[in-house]
Amino acid sequence: MADGDQVIMQVVDGELHVRPRRDVLKRIQTMLRPYAPESGSVADELIADRRAEAARD
């Protein structure tokens, strides 16, 4: 960690855990990677779904 880094603080079993924000985000991304599509973008899929819904209305 360097001066000025953003951190995430969490109390676990009465202990204060301080972790760099970037490390927490990497961990979350790793956990969610199995649920992401192999190719393409989740955002692009969401936009396409919303446009299809709007076209039906």
PDB file of N, CA and C in Angstrom:
ATOM      1  N   MET A   1       0.839  -1.171   0.000  1.00  0.00           N
ATOM      2  CA  MET A   1       0.000   0.000   0.000  1.00  0.00           C
ATOM      3  C   MET A   1       0.884   1.235   0.000  1.00  0.00           C
ATOM      4  N   ALA A   2       0.407   2.266  -0.683  1.00  0.00           N
ATOM      5  CA  ALA A   2       1.149   3.522  -0.744  1.00  0.00           C
ATOM      6  C   ALA A   2       0.294   4.644  -0.165  1.00  0.00           C
ATOM      7  N   ASP A   3       0.930   5.707   0.226  1.00  0.00           N
ATOM      8  CA  ASP A   3       0.199   6.872   0.714  1.00  0.00           C
ATOM      9  C   ASP A   3      -0.817   7.308  -0.332  1.00  0.00           C
ATOM     10  N   GLY A   4      -2.026   7.575   0.101  1.00  0.00           N
ATOM     11  CA  GLY A   4      -3.060   8.049  -0.797  1.00  0.00           C
ATOM     12  C   GLY A   4      -3.893   6.959  -1.436  1.00  0.00           C
ATOM     13  N   ASP A   5      -3.515   5.690  -1.274  1.00  0.00           N
ATOM     14  CA  ASP A   5      -4.310   4.593  -1.824  1.00  0.00           C
ATOM     15  C   ASP A   5      -5.668   4.544  -1.125  1.00  0.00           C
ATOM     16  N   GLN A   6      -6.708   4.224  -1.890  1.00  0.00           N
ATOM     17  CA  GLN A   6      -8.018   4.008  -1.295  1.00  0.00           C
ATOM     18  C   GLN A   6      -8.019   2.638  -0.637  1.00  0.00           C
ATOM     19  N   VAL A   7      -8.695   2.548   0.503  1.00  0.00           N
ATOM     20  CA  VAL A   7      -8.736   1.292   1.244  1.00  0.00           C
ATOM     21  C   VAL A   7     -10.172   0.905   1.563  1.00  0.00           C
ATOM     22  N   ILE A   8     -10.346  -0.371   1.849  1.00  0.00           N
ATOM     23  CA  ILE A   8     -11.604  -0.915   2.338  1.00  0.00           C
ATOM     24  C   ILE A   8     -11.337  -1.392   3.758  1.00  0.00           C
ATOM     25  N   MET A   9     -12.194  -0.954   4.688  1.00  0.00           N
ATOM     26  CA  MET A   9     -12.049  -1.369   6.079  1.00  0.00           C
ATOM     27  C   MET A   9     -13.243  -2.226   6.461  1.00  0.00           C
ATOM     28  N   GLN A  10     -12.951  -3.298   7.193  1.00  0.00           N
ATOM     29  CA  GLN A  10     -13.999  -4.230   7.590  1.00  0.00           C
ATOM     30  C   GLN A  10     -13.640  -4.788   8.964  1.00  0.00           C
ATOM     31  N   VAL A  11     -14.641  -4.871   9.829  1.00  0.00           N
ATOM     32  CA  VAL A  11     -14.434  -5.480  11.137  1.00  0.00           C
ATOM     33  C   VAL A  11     -14.830  -6.951  11.034  1.00  0.00           C
ATOM     34  N   VAL A  12     -13.870  -7.832  11.345  1.00  0.00           N
ATOM     35  CA  VAL A  12     -14.087  -9.275  11.289  1.00  0.00           C
ATOM     36  C   VAL A  12     -13.695  -9.856  12.638  1.00  0.00           C
ATOM     37  N   ASP A  13     -14.666 -10.454  13.313  1.00  0.00           N
ATOM     38  CA  ASP A  13     -14.405 -11.046  14.640  1.00  0.00           C
ATOM     39  C   ASP A  13     -13.679 -10.075  15.566  1.00  0.00           C
ATOM     40  N   GLY A  14     -14.121  -8.822  15.570  1.00  0.00           N
ATOM     41  CA  GLY A  14     -13.544  -7.828  16.462  1.00  0.00           C
ATOM     42  C   GLY A  14     -12.219  -7.253  16.010  1.00  0.00           C
ATOM     43  N   GLU A  15     -11.719  -7.654  14.860  1.00  0.00           N
ATOM     44  CA  GLU A  15     -10.462  -7.131  14.325  1.00  0.00           C
ATOM     45  C   GLU A  15     -10.750  -6.232  13.133  1.00  0.00           C
ATOM     46  N   LEU A  16     -10.003  -5.157  13.017  1.00  0.00           N
ATOM     47  CA  LEU A  16     -10.150  -4.257  11.891  1.00  0.00           C
ATOM     48  C   LEU A  16      -9.215  -4.707  10.773  1.00  0.00           C
ATOM     49  N   HIS A  17      -9.786  -5.038   9.623  1.00  0.00           N
ATOM     50  CA  HIS A  17      -9.011  -5.439   8.454  1.00  0.00           C
ATOM     51  C   HIS A  17      -8.991  -4.260   7.488  1.00  0.00           C
ATOM     52  N   VAL A  18      -7.813  -3.859   7.060  1.00  0.00           N
ATOM     53  CA  VAL A  18      -7.653  -2.766   6.109  1.00  0.00           C
ATOM     54  C   VAL A  18      -6.948  -3.328   4.881  1.00  0.00           C
ATOM     55  N   ARG A  19      -7.618  -3.207   3.723  1.00  0.00           N
ATOM     56  CA  ARG A  19      -7.059  -3.744   2.480  1.00  0.00           C
ATOM     57  C   ARG A  19      -7.117  -2.675   1.400  1.00  0.00           C
ATOM     58  N   PRO A  20      -6.142  -2.686   0.504  1.00  0.00           N
ATOM     59  CA  PRO A  20      -6.222  -1.751  -0.622  1.00  0.00           C
ATOM     60  C   PRO A  20      -7.464  -2.051  -1.460  1.00  0.00           C
ATOM     61  N   ARG A  21      -8.129  -1.008  -1.908  1.00  0.00           N
ATOM     62  CA  ARG A  21      -9.345  -1.156  -2.706  1.00  0.00           C
ATOM     63  C   ARG A  21      -9.083  -1.996  -3.958  1.00  0.00           C
ATOM     64  N   ARG A  22      -7.956  -1.786  -4.612  1.00  0.00           N
ATOM     65  CA  ARG A  22      -7.659  -2.523  -5.849  1.00  0.00           C
ATOM     66  C   ARG A  22      -7.580  -4.026  -5.593  1.00  0.00           C
ATOM     67  N   ASP A  23      -7.051  -4.436  -4.436  1.00  0.00           N
ATOM     68  CA  ASP A  23      -6.974  -5.859  -4.111  1.00  0.00           C
ATOM     69  C   ASP A  23      -8.367  -6.454  -3.888  1.00  0.00           C
ATOM     70  N   VAL A  24      -9.236  -5.689  -3.236  1.00  0.00           N
ATOM     71  CA  VAL A  24     -10.597  -6.152  -3.002  1.00  0.00           C
ATOM     72  C   VAL A  24     -11.323  -6.302  -4.338  1.00  0.00           C
ATOM     73  N   LEU A  25     -11.165  -5.331  -5.243  1.00  0.00           N
ATOM     74  CA  LEU A  25     -11.809  -5.411  -6.551  1.00  0.00           C
ATOM     75  C   LEU A  25     -11.295  -6.596  -7.365  1.00  0.00           C
ATOM     76  N   LYS A  26      -9.991  -6.855  -7.324  1.00  0.00           N
ATOM     77  CA  LYS A  26      -9.439  -8.014  -8.036  1.00  0.00           C
ATOM     78  C   LYS A  26     -10.038  -9.312  -7.503  1.00  0.00           C
ATOM     79  N   ARG A  27     -10.194  -9.389  -6.194  1.00  0.00           N
ATOM     80  CA  ARG A  27     -10.758 -10.594  -5.583  1.00  0.00           C
ATOM     81  C   ARG A  27     -12.208 -10.803  -6.024  1.00  0.00           C
ATOM     82  N   ILE A  28     -12.984  -9.719  -6.053  1.00  0.00           N
ATOM     83  CA  ILE A  28     -14.373  -9.810  -6.490  1.00  0.00           C
ATOM     84  C   ILE A  28     -14.444 -10.217  -7.953  1.00  0.00           C
ATOM     85  N   GLN A  29     -13.596  -9.623  -8.796  1.00  0.00           N
ATOM     86  CA  GLN A  29     -13.579  -9.975 -10.215  1.00  0.00           C
ATOM     87  C   GLN A  29     -13.254 -11.447 -10.412  1.00  0.00           C
ATOM     88  N   THR A  30     -12.312 -11.960  -9.654  1.00  0.00           N
ATOM     89  CA  THR A  30     -11.933 -13.369  -9.740  1.00  0.00           C
ATOM     90  C   THR A  30     -13.109 -14.264  -9.347  1.00  0.00           C
ATOM     91  N   MET A  31     -13.838 -13.864  -8.306  1.00  0.00           N
ATOM     92  CA  MET A  31     -14.978 -14.650  -7.852  1.00  0.00           C
ATOM     93  C   MET A  31     -16.104 -14.665  -8.891  1.00  0.00           C
ATOM     94  N   LEU A  32     -16.280 -13.556  -9.622  1.00  0.00           N
ATOM     95  CA  LEU A  32     -17.388 -13.444 -10.570  1.00  0.00           C
ATOM     96  C   LEU A  32     -17.035 -13.914 -11.974  1.00  0.00           C
ATOM     97  N   ARG A  33     -15.756 -14.087 -12.268  1.00  0.00           N
ATOM     98  CA  ARG A  33     -15.317 -14.473 -13.605  1.00  0.00           C
ATOM     99  C   ARG A  33     -16.040 -15.719 -14.153  1.00  0.00           C
ATOM    100  N   PRO A  34     -16.304 -16.755 -13.348  1.00  0.00           N
ATOM    101  CA  PRO A  34     -16.995 -17.933 -13.897  1.00  0.00           C
ATOM    102  C   PRO A  34     -18.404 -17.628 -14.425  1.00  0.00           C
ATOM    103  N   TYR A  35     -18.995 -16.529 -14.000  1.00  0.00           N
ATOM    104  CA  TYR A  35     -20.356 -16.190 -14.407  1.00  0.00           C
ATOM    105  C   TYR A  35     -20.402 -15.251 -15.606  1.00  0.00           C
ATOM    106  N   ALA A  36     -19.253 -14.766 -16.046  1.00  0.00           N
ATOM    107  CA  ALA A  36     -19.187 -13.858 -17.187  1.00  0.00           C
ATOM    108  C   ALA A  36     -19.219 -14.658 -18.484  1.00  0.00           C
ATOM    109  N   PRO A  37     -19.788 -14.073 -19.535  1.00  0.00           N
ATOM    110  CA  PRO A  37     -19.811 -14.783 -20.815  1.00  0.00           C
ATOM    111  C   PRO A  37     -18.395 -14.963 -21.367  1.00  0.00           C
ATOM    112  N   GLU A  38     -18.210 -16.016 -22.140  1.00  0.00           N
ATOM    113  CA  GLU A  38     -16.896 -16.311 -22.730  1.00  0.00           C
ATOM    114  C   GLU A  38     -16.426 -15.184 -23.649  1.00  0.00           C
ATOM    115  N   SER A  39     -17.361 -14.662 -24.432  1.00  0.00           N
ATOM    116  CA  SER A  39     -16.989 -13.592 -25.350  1.00  0.00           C
ATOM    117  C   SER A  39     -18.023 -12.484 -25.250  1.00  0.00           C
ATOM    118  N   GLY A  40     -17.668 -11.329 -25.730  1.00  0.00           N
ATOM    119  CA  GLY A  40     -18.590 -10.213 -25.695  1.00  0.00           C
ATOM    120  C   GLY A  40     -18.547  -9.483 -24.373  1.00  0.00           C
ATOM    121  N   SER A  41     -19.510  -8.633 -24.210  1.00  0.00           N
ATOM    122  CA  SER A  41     -19.564  -7.780 -23.036  1.00  0.00           C
ATOM    123  C   SER A  41     -20.907  -7.932 -22.343  1.00  0.00           C
ATOM    124  N   VAL A  42     -20.878  -8.032 -21.040  1.00  0.00           N
ATOM    125  CA  VAL A  42     -22.111  -8.116 -20.267  1.00  0.00           C
ATOM    126  C   VAL A  42     -22.917  -6.834 -20.473  1.00  0.00           C
ATOM    127  N   ALA A  43     -22.232  -5.700 -20.513  1.00  0.00           N
ATOM    128  CA  ALA A  43     -22.916  -4.417 -20.720  1.00  0.00           C
ATOM    129  C   ALA A  43     -23.605  -4.391 -22.084  1.00  0.00           C
ATOM    130  N   ASP A  44     -22.923  -4.879 -23.117  1.00  0.00           N
ATOM    131  CA  ASP A  44     -23.528  -4.913 -24.453  1.00  0.00           C
ATOM    132  C   ASP A  44     -24.766  -5.809 -24.473  1.00  0.00           C
ATOM    133  N   GLU A  45     -24.702  -6.947 -23.781  1.00  0.00           N
ATOM    134  CA  GLU A  45     -25.860  -7.843 -23.706  1.00  0.00           C
ATOM    135  C   GLU A  45     -27.026  -7.159 -22.998  1.00  0.00           C
ATOM    136  N   LEU A  46     -26.740  -6.455 -21.925  1.00  0.00           N
ATOM    137  CA  LEU A  46     -27.782  -5.760 -21.177  1.00  0.00           C
ATOM    138  C   LEU A  46     -28.432  -4.681 -22.032  1.00  0.00           C
ATOM    139  N   ILE A  47     -27.627  -3.908 -22.742  1.00  0.00           N
ATOM    140  CA  ILE A  47     -28.154  -2.858 -23.612  1.00  0.00           C
ATOM    141  C   ILE A  47     -29.035  -3.468 -24.698  1.00  0.00           C
ATOM    142  N   ALA A  48     -28.585  -4.547 -25.305  1.00  0.00           N
ATOM    143  CA  ALA A  48     -29.371  -5.207 -26.346  1.00  0.00           C
ATOM    144  C   ALA A  48     -30.700  -5.714 -25.785  1.00  0.00           C
ATOM    145  N   ASP A  49     -30.682  -6.288 -24.592  1.00  0.00           N
ATOM    146  CA  ASP A  49     -31.914  -6.762 -23.960  1.00  0.00           C
ATOM    147  C   ASP A  49     -32.881  -5.612 -23.711  1.00  0.00           C
ATOM    148  N   ARG A  50     -32.359  -4.490 -23.217  1.00  0.00           N
ATOM    149  CA  ARG A  50     -33.214  -3.324 -22.933  1.00  0.00           C
ATOM    150  C   ARG A  50     -33.806  -2.755 -24.216  1.00  0.00           C
ATOM    151  N   ARG A  51     -33.028  -2.724 -25.282  1.00  0.00           N
ATOM    152  CA  ARG A  51     -33.531  -2.220 -26.563  1.00  0.00           C
ATOM    153  C   ARG A  51     -34.617  -3.143 -27.108  1.00  0.00           C
ATOM    154  N   ALA A  52     -34.423  -4.450 -26.973  1.00  0.00           N
ATOM    155  CA  ALA A  52     -35.436  -5.404 -27.428  1.00  0.00           C
ATOM    156  C   ALA A  52     -36.734  -5.234 -26.640  1.00  0.00           C
ATOM    157  N   GLU A  53     -36.624  -5.030 -25.326  1.00  0.00           N
ATOM    158  CA  GLU A  53     -37.809  -4.808 -24.503  1.00  0.00           C
ATOM    159  C   GLU A  53     -38.523  -3.538 -24.923  1.00  0.00           C
ATOM    160  N   ALA A  54     -37.772  -2.471 -25.169  1.00  0.00           N
ATOM    161  CA  ALA A  54     -38.367  -1.196 -25.572  1.00  0.00           C
ATOM    162  C   ALA A  54     -39.046  -1.321 -26.923  1.00  0.00           C
ATOM    163  N   ALA A  55     -38.496  -2.105 -27.825  1.00  0.00           N
ATOM    164  CA  ALA A  55     -39.094  -2.288 -29.150  1.00  0.00           C
ATOM    165  C   ALA A  55     -40.422  -3.032 -29.060  1.00  0.00           C
ATOM    166  N   ARG A  56     -40.533  -3.942 -28.078  1.00  0.00           N
ATOM    167  CA  ARG A  56     -41.777  -4.685 -27.891  1.00  0.00           C
ATOM    168  C   ARG A  56     -42.888  -3.826 -27.306  1.00  0.00           C
ATOM    169  N   ASP A  57     -42.517  -2.785 -26.579  1.00  0.00           N
ATOM    170  CA  ASP A  57     -43.519  -1.921 -25.914  1.00  0.00           C
ATOM    171  C   ASP A  57     -44.167  -0.963 -26.830  1.00  0.00           C
TER     172      ASP A  57
END
